[in-house]
Amino acid sequence: MKNFAKGVLIGTFGTLAAIASGVFTFHKTVVKPIEDQEEKFDENRKAATRKSRSAHQA
């Protein structure tokens, strides 16, 4: 019974570690590039707005 409890505990921790690593990898490969791209678009939009406004100054 002692070995069974130890096995269940180790299996549970292993499963949780695998899930956490999967979530981390998904975030790093899918979510982060999308966030970086959106940030780049926002910066470009702000720069274009500043340039447009400065071009129309009298």
PDB file of N, CA and C in Angstrom:
ATOM      1  N   MET A   1       0.825  -1.192   0.000  1.00  0.00           N
ATOM      2  CA  MET A   1       0.000   0.000   0.000  1.00  0.00           C
ATOM      3  C   MET A   1       0.868   1.253   0.000  1.00  0.00           C
ATOM      4  N   LYS A   2       2.003   1.176   0.669  1.00  0.00           N
ATOM      5  CA  LYS A   2       2.896   2.328   0.741  1.00  0.00           C
ATOM      6  C   LYS A   2       3.447   2.677  -0.650  1.00  0.00           C
ATOM      7  N   ASN A   3       3.841   1.649  -1.415  1.00  0.00           N
ATOM      8  CA  ASN A   3       4.371   1.891  -2.758  1.00  0.00           C
ATOM      9  C   ASN A   3       3.293   2.427  -3.694  1.00  0.00           C
ATOM     10  N   PHE A   4       2.058   1.965  -3.520  1.00  0.00           N
ATOM     11  CA  PHE A   4       0.959   2.449  -4.352  1.00  0.00           C
ATOM     12  C   PHE A   4       0.732   3.942  -4.128  1.00  0.00           C
ATOM     13  N   ALA A   5       0.721   4.373  -2.877  1.00  0.00           N
ATOM     14  CA  ALA A   5       0.514   5.786  -2.561  1.00  0.00           C
ATOM     15  C   ALA A   5       1.649   6.632  -3.131  1.00  0.00           C
ATOM     16  N   LYS A   6       2.857   6.130  -3.023  1.00  0.00           N
ATOM     17  CA  LYS A   6       4.006   6.860  -3.573  1.00  0.00           C
ATOM     18  C   LYS A   6       3.894   6.956  -5.091  1.00  0.00           C
ATOM     19  N   GLY A   7       3.454   5.895  -5.732  1.00  0.00           N
ATOM     20  CA  GLY A   7       3.293   5.895  -7.180  1.00  0.00           C
ATOM     21  C   GLY A   7       2.216   6.866  -7.634  1.00  0.00           C
ATOM     22  N   VAL A   8       1.116   6.894  -6.897  1.00  0.00           N
ATOM     23  CA  VAL A   8       0.044   7.830  -7.240  1.00  0.00           C
ATOM     24  C   VAL A   8       0.534   9.255  -7.088  1.00  0.00           C
ATOM     25  N   LEU A   9       1.250   9.541  -6.028  1.00  0.00           N
ATOM     26  CA  LEU A   9       1.769  10.886  -5.784  1.00  0.00           C
ATOM     27  C   LEU A   9       2.747  11.304  -6.882  1.00  0.00           C
ATOM     28  N   ILE A  10       3.664  10.432  -7.217  1.00  0.00           N
ATOM     29  CA  ILE A  10       4.639  10.744  -8.272  1.00  0.00           C
ATOM     30  C   ILE A  10       3.932  10.897  -9.619  1.00  0.00           C
ATOM     31  N   GLY A  11       2.962  10.050  -9.893  1.00  0.00           N
ATOM     32  CA  GLY A  11       2.209  10.153 -11.141  1.00  0.00           C
ATOM     33  C   GLY A  11       1.430  11.457 -11.234  1.00  0.00           C
ATOM     34  N   THR A  12       0.851  11.866 -10.123  1.00  0.00           N
ATOM     35  CA  THR A  12       0.102  13.121 -10.095  1.00  0.00           C
ATOM     36  C   THR A  12       1.027  14.296 -10.357  1.00  0.00           C
ATOM     37  N   PHE A  13       2.160  14.330  -9.689  1.00  0.00           N
ATOM     38  CA  PHE A  13       3.119  15.417  -9.915  1.00  0.00           C
ATOM     39  C   PHE A  13       3.644  15.405 -11.342  1.00  0.00           C
ATOM     40  N   GLY A  14       3.889  14.229 -11.882  1.00  0.00           N
ATOM     41  CA  GLY A  14       4.354  14.129 -13.271  1.00  0.00           C
ATOM     42  C   GLY A  14       3.321  14.646 -14.252  1.00  0.00           C
ATOM     43  N   THR A  15       2.065  14.307 -14.017  1.00  0.00           N
ATOM     44  CA  THR A  15       0.995  14.780 -14.883  1.00  0.00           C
ATOM     45  C   THR A  15       0.852  16.289 -14.811  1.00  0.00           C
ATOM     46  N   LEU A  16       0.886  16.826 -13.605  1.00  0.00           N
ATOM     47  CA  LEU A  16       0.790  18.275 -13.439  1.00  0.00           C
ATOM     48  C   LEU A  16       1.961  18.996 -14.103  1.00  0.00           C
ATOM     49  N   ALA A  17       3.150  18.423 -13.988  1.00  0.00           N
ATOM     50  CA  ALA A  17       4.322  19.024 -14.626  1.00  0.00           C
ATOM     51  C   ALA A  17       4.178  18.996 -16.151  1.00  0.00           C
ATOM     52  N   ALA A  18       3.651  17.906 -16.689  1.00  0.00           N
ATOM     53  CA  ALA A  18       3.458  17.809 -18.141  1.00  0.00           C
ATOM     54  C   ALA A  18       2.426  18.827 -18.618  1.00  0.00           C
ATOM     55  N   ILE A  19       1.354  18.994 -17.869  1.00  0.00           N
ATOM     56  CA  ILE A  19       0.325  19.970 -18.242  1.00  0.00           C
ATOM     57  C   ILE A  19       0.888  21.382 -18.186  1.00  0.00           C
ATOM     58  N   ALA A  20       1.628  21.686 -17.112  1.00  0.00           N
ATOM     59  CA  ALA A  20       2.221  23.026 -16.977  1.00  0.00           C
ATOM     60  C   ALA A  20       3.198  23.299 -18.114  1.00  0.00           C
ATOM     61  N   SER A  21       3.997  22.321 -18.472  1.00  0.00           N
ATOM     62  CA  SER A  21       4.954  22.528 -19.558  1.00  0.00           C
ATOM     63  C   SER A  21       4.227  22.711 -20.889  1.00  0.00           C
ATOM     64  N   GLY A  22       3.130  22.005 -21.105  1.00  0.00           N
ATOM     65  CA  GLY A  22       2.348  22.180 -22.319  1.00  0.00           C
ATOM     66  C   GLY A  22       1.742  23.573 -22.413  1.00  0.00           C
ATOM     67  N   VAL A  23       1.204  24.060 -21.298  1.00  0.00           N
ATOM     68  CA  VAL A  23       0.621  25.405 -21.280  1.00  0.00           C
ATOM     69  C   VAL A  23       1.700  26.452 -21.537  1.00  0.00           C
ATOM     70  N   PHE A  24       2.850  26.300 -20.894  1.00  0.00           N
ATOM     71  CA  PHE A  24       3.952  27.241 -21.085  1.00  0.00           C
ATOM     72  C   PHE A  24       4.416  27.248 -22.545  1.00  0.00           C
ATOM     73  N   THR A  25       4.554  26.076 -23.127  1.00  0.00           N
ATOM     74  CA  THR A  25       5.000  25.974 -24.513  1.00  0.00           C
ATOM     75  C   THR A  25       3.975  26.590 -25.460  1.00  0.00           C
ATOM     76  N   PHE A  26       2.690  26.329 -25.227  1.00  0.00           N
ATOM     77  CA  PHE A  26       1.632  26.914 -26.052  1.00  0.00           C
ATOM     78  C   PHE A  26       1.679  28.425 -25.982  1.00  0.00           C
ATOM     79  N   HIS A  27       1.839  28.956 -24.771  1.00  0.00           N
ATOM     80  CA  HIS A  27       1.896  30.408 -24.603  1.00  0.00           C
ATOM     81  C   HIS A  27       3.090  30.999 -25.347  1.00  0.00           C
ATOM     82  N   LYS A  28       4.218  30.322 -25.241  1.00  0.00           N
ATOM     83  CA  LYS A  28       5.439  30.843 -25.852  1.00  0.00           C
ATOM     84  C   LYS A  28       5.400  30.756 -27.380  1.00  0.00           C
ATOM     85  N   THR A  29       4.794  29.712 -27.937  1.00  0.00           N
ATOM     86  CA  THR A  29       4.824  29.533 -29.385  1.00  0.00           C
ATOM     87  C   THR A  29       3.613  30.124 -30.100  1.00  0.00           C
ATOM     88  N   VAL A  30       2.482  30.300 -29.413  1.00  0.00           N
ATOM     89  CA  VAL A  30       1.279  30.778 -30.080  1.00  0.00           C
ATOM     90  C   VAL A  30       0.878  32.168 -29.594  1.00  0.00           C
ATOM     91  N   VAL A  31       0.752  32.339 -28.309  1.00  0.00           N
ATOM     92  CA  VAL A  31       0.210  33.582 -27.762  1.00  0.00           C
ATOM     93  C   VAL A  31       1.225  34.713 -27.835  1.00  0.00           C
ATOM     94  N   LYS A  32       2.455  34.461 -27.453  1.00  0.00           N
ATOM     95  CA  LYS A  32       3.474  35.516 -27.400  1.00  0.00           C
ATOM     96  C   LYS A  32       3.725  36.155 -28.765  1.00  0.00           C
ATOM     97  N   PRO A  33       3.881  35.386 -29.859  1.00  0.00           N
ATOM     98  CA  PRO A  33       4.073  36.035 -31.161  1.00  0.00           C
ATOM     99  C   PRO A  33       2.884  36.905 -31.575  1.00  0.00           C
ATOM    100  N   ILE A  34       1.672  36.482 -31.239  1.00  0.00           N
ATOM    101  CA  ILE A  34       0.493  37.293 -31.573  1.00  0.00           C
ATOM    102  C   ILE A  34       0.525  38.596 -30.783  1.00  0.00           C
ATOM    103  N   GLU A  35       0.866  38.518 -29.505  1.00  0.00           N
ATOM    104  CA  GLU A  35       0.958  39.730 -28.687  1.00  0.00           C
ATOM    105  C   GLU A  35       2.050  40.657 -29.203  1.00  0.00           C
ATOM    106  N   ASP A  36       3.185  40.099 -29.593  1.00  0.00           N
ATOM    107  CA  ASP A  36       4.275  40.921 -30.136  1.00  0.00           C
ATOM    108  C   ASP A  36       3.855  41.607 -31.436  1.00  0.00           C
ATOM    109  N   GLN A  37       3.135  40.876 -32.290  1.00  0.00           N
ATOM    110  CA  GLN A  37       2.682  41.448 -33.548  1.00  0.00           C
ATOM    111  C   GLN A  37       1.674  42.572 -33.295  1.00  0.00           C
ATOM    112  N   GLU A  38       0.762  42.371 -32.364  1.00  0.00           N
ATOM    113  CA  GLU A  38      -0.209  43.422 -32.041  1.00  0.00           C
ATOM    114  C   GLU A  38       0.489  44.654 -31.476  1.00  0.00           C
ATOM    115  N   GLU A  39       1.502  44.437 -30.656  1.00  0.00           N
ATOM    116  CA  GLU A  39       2.262  45.561 -30.092  1.00  0.00           C
ATOM    117  C   GLU A  39       2.978  46.335 -31.204  1.00  0.00           C
ATOM    118  N   LYS A  40       3.530  45.614 -32.170  1.00  0.00           N
ATOM    119  CA  LYS A  40       4.214  46.260 -33.289  1.00  0.00           C
ATOM    120  C   LYS A  40       3.230  47.084 -34.124  1.00  0.00           C
ATOM    121  N   PHE A  41       2.039  46.531 -34.365  1.00  0.00           N
ATOM    122  CA  PHE A  41       1.015  47.267 -35.114  1.00  0.00           C
ATOM    123  C   PHE A  41       0.604  48.529 -34.369  1.00  0.00           C
ATOM    124  N   ASP A  42       0.451  48.436 -33.054  1.00  0.00           N
ATOM    125  CA  ASP A  42       0.082  49.609 -32.260  1.00  0.00           C
ATOM    126  C   ASP A  42       1.159  50.689 -32.337  1.00  0.00           C
ATOM    127  N   GLU A  43       2.423  50.282 -32.238  1.00  0.00           N
ATOM    128  CA  GLU A  43       3.521  51.246 -32.332  1.00  0.00           C
ATOM    129  C   GLU A  43       3.538  51.914 -33.710  1.00  0.00           C
ATOM    130  N   ASN A  44       3.341  51.129 -34.767  1.00  0.00           N
ATOM    131  CA  ASN A  44       3.315  51.691 -36.123  1.00  0.00           C
ATOM    132  C   ASN A  44       2.144  52.644 -36.304  1.00  0.00           C
ATOM    133  N   ARG A  45       0.986  52.292 -35.747  1.00  0.00           N
ATOM    134  CA  ARG A  45      -0.189  53.151 -35.851  1.00  0.00           C
ATOM    135  C   ARG A  45       0.056  54.471 -35.138  1.00  0.00           C
ATOM    136  N   LYS A  46       0.671  54.410 -33.946  1.00  0.00           N
ATOM    137  CA  LYS A  46       0.965  55.637 -33.196  1.00  0.00           C
ATOM    138  C   LYS A  46       1.956  56.510 -33.960  1.00  0.00           C
ATOM    139  N   ALA A  47       2.972  55.893 -34.542  1.00  0.00           N
ATOM    140  CA  ALA A  47       3.965  56.649 -35.304  1.00  0.00           C
ATOM    141  C   ALA A  47       3.327  57.285 -36.535  1.00  0.00           C
ATOM    142  N   ALA A  48       2.444  56.558 -37.199  1.00  0.00           N
ATOM    143  CA  ALA A  48       1.775  57.103 -38.384  1.00  0.00           C
ATOM    144  C   ALA A  48       0.878  58.275 -38.000  1.00  0.00           C
ATOM    145  N   THR A  49       0.213  58.171 -36.856  1.00  0.00           N
ATOM    146  CA  THR A  49      -0.645  59.267 -36.396  1.00  0.00           C
ATOM    147  C   THR A  49       0.184  60.506 -36.092  1.00  0.00           C
ATOM    148  N   ARG A  50       1.306  60.317 -35.404  1.00  0.00           N
ATOM    149  CA  ARG A  50       2.183  61.460 -35.109  1.00  0.00           C
ATOM    150  C   ARG A  50       2.704  62.094 -36.394  1.00  0.00           C
ATOM    151  N   LYS A  51       3.117  61.273 -37.333  1.00  0.00           N
ATOM    152  CA  LYS A  51       3.648  61.776 -38.603  1.00  0.00           C
ATOM    153  C   LYS A  51       2.563  62.521 -39.381  1.00  0.00           C
ATOM    154  N   SER A  52       1.371  62.000 -39.385  1.00  0.00           N
ATOM    155  CA  SER A  52       0.262  62.641 -40.092  1.00  0.00           C
ATOM    156  C   SER A  52      -0.071  63.990 -39.469  1.00  0.00           C
ATOM    157  N   ARG A  53      -0.104  64.037 -38.174  1.00  0.00           N
ATOM    158  CA  ARG A  53      -0.435  65.303 -37.508  1.00  0.00           C
ATOM    159  C   ARG A  53       0.669  66.342 -37.698  1.00  0.00           C
ATOM    160  N   SER A  54       1.907  65.907 -37.665  1.00  0.00           N
ATOM    161  CA  SER A  54       2.999  66.877 -37.829  1.00  0.00           C
ATOM    162  C   SER A  54       3.083  67.378 -39.269  1.00  0.00           C
ATOM    163  N   ALA A  55       2.650  66.564 -40.220  1.00  0.00           N
ATOM    164  CA  ALA A  55       2.673  66.975 -41.631  1.00  0.00           C
ATOM    165  C   ALA A  55       1.616  68.024 -41.915  1.00  0.00           C
ATOM    166  N   HIS A  56       0.562  68.084 -41.114  1.00  0.00           N
ATOM    167  CA  HIS A  56      -0.533  69.011 -41.349  1.00  0.00           C
ATOM    168  C   HIS A  56      -0.451  70.248 -40.478  1.00  0.00           C
ATOM    169  N   GLN A  57       0.692  70.462 -39.858  1.00  0.00           N
ATOM    170  CA  GLN A  57       0.864  71.673 -39.059  1.00  0.00           C
ATOM    171  C   GLN A  57       1.160  72.828 -39.997  1.00  0.00           C
ATOM    172  N   ALA A  58       0.581  73.995 -39.725  1.00  0.00           N
ATOM    173  CA  ALA A  58       0.771  75.135 -40.612  1.00  0.00           C
ATOM    174  C   ALA A  58       1.968  75.951 -40.237  1.00  0.00           C
TER     175      ALA A  58
END
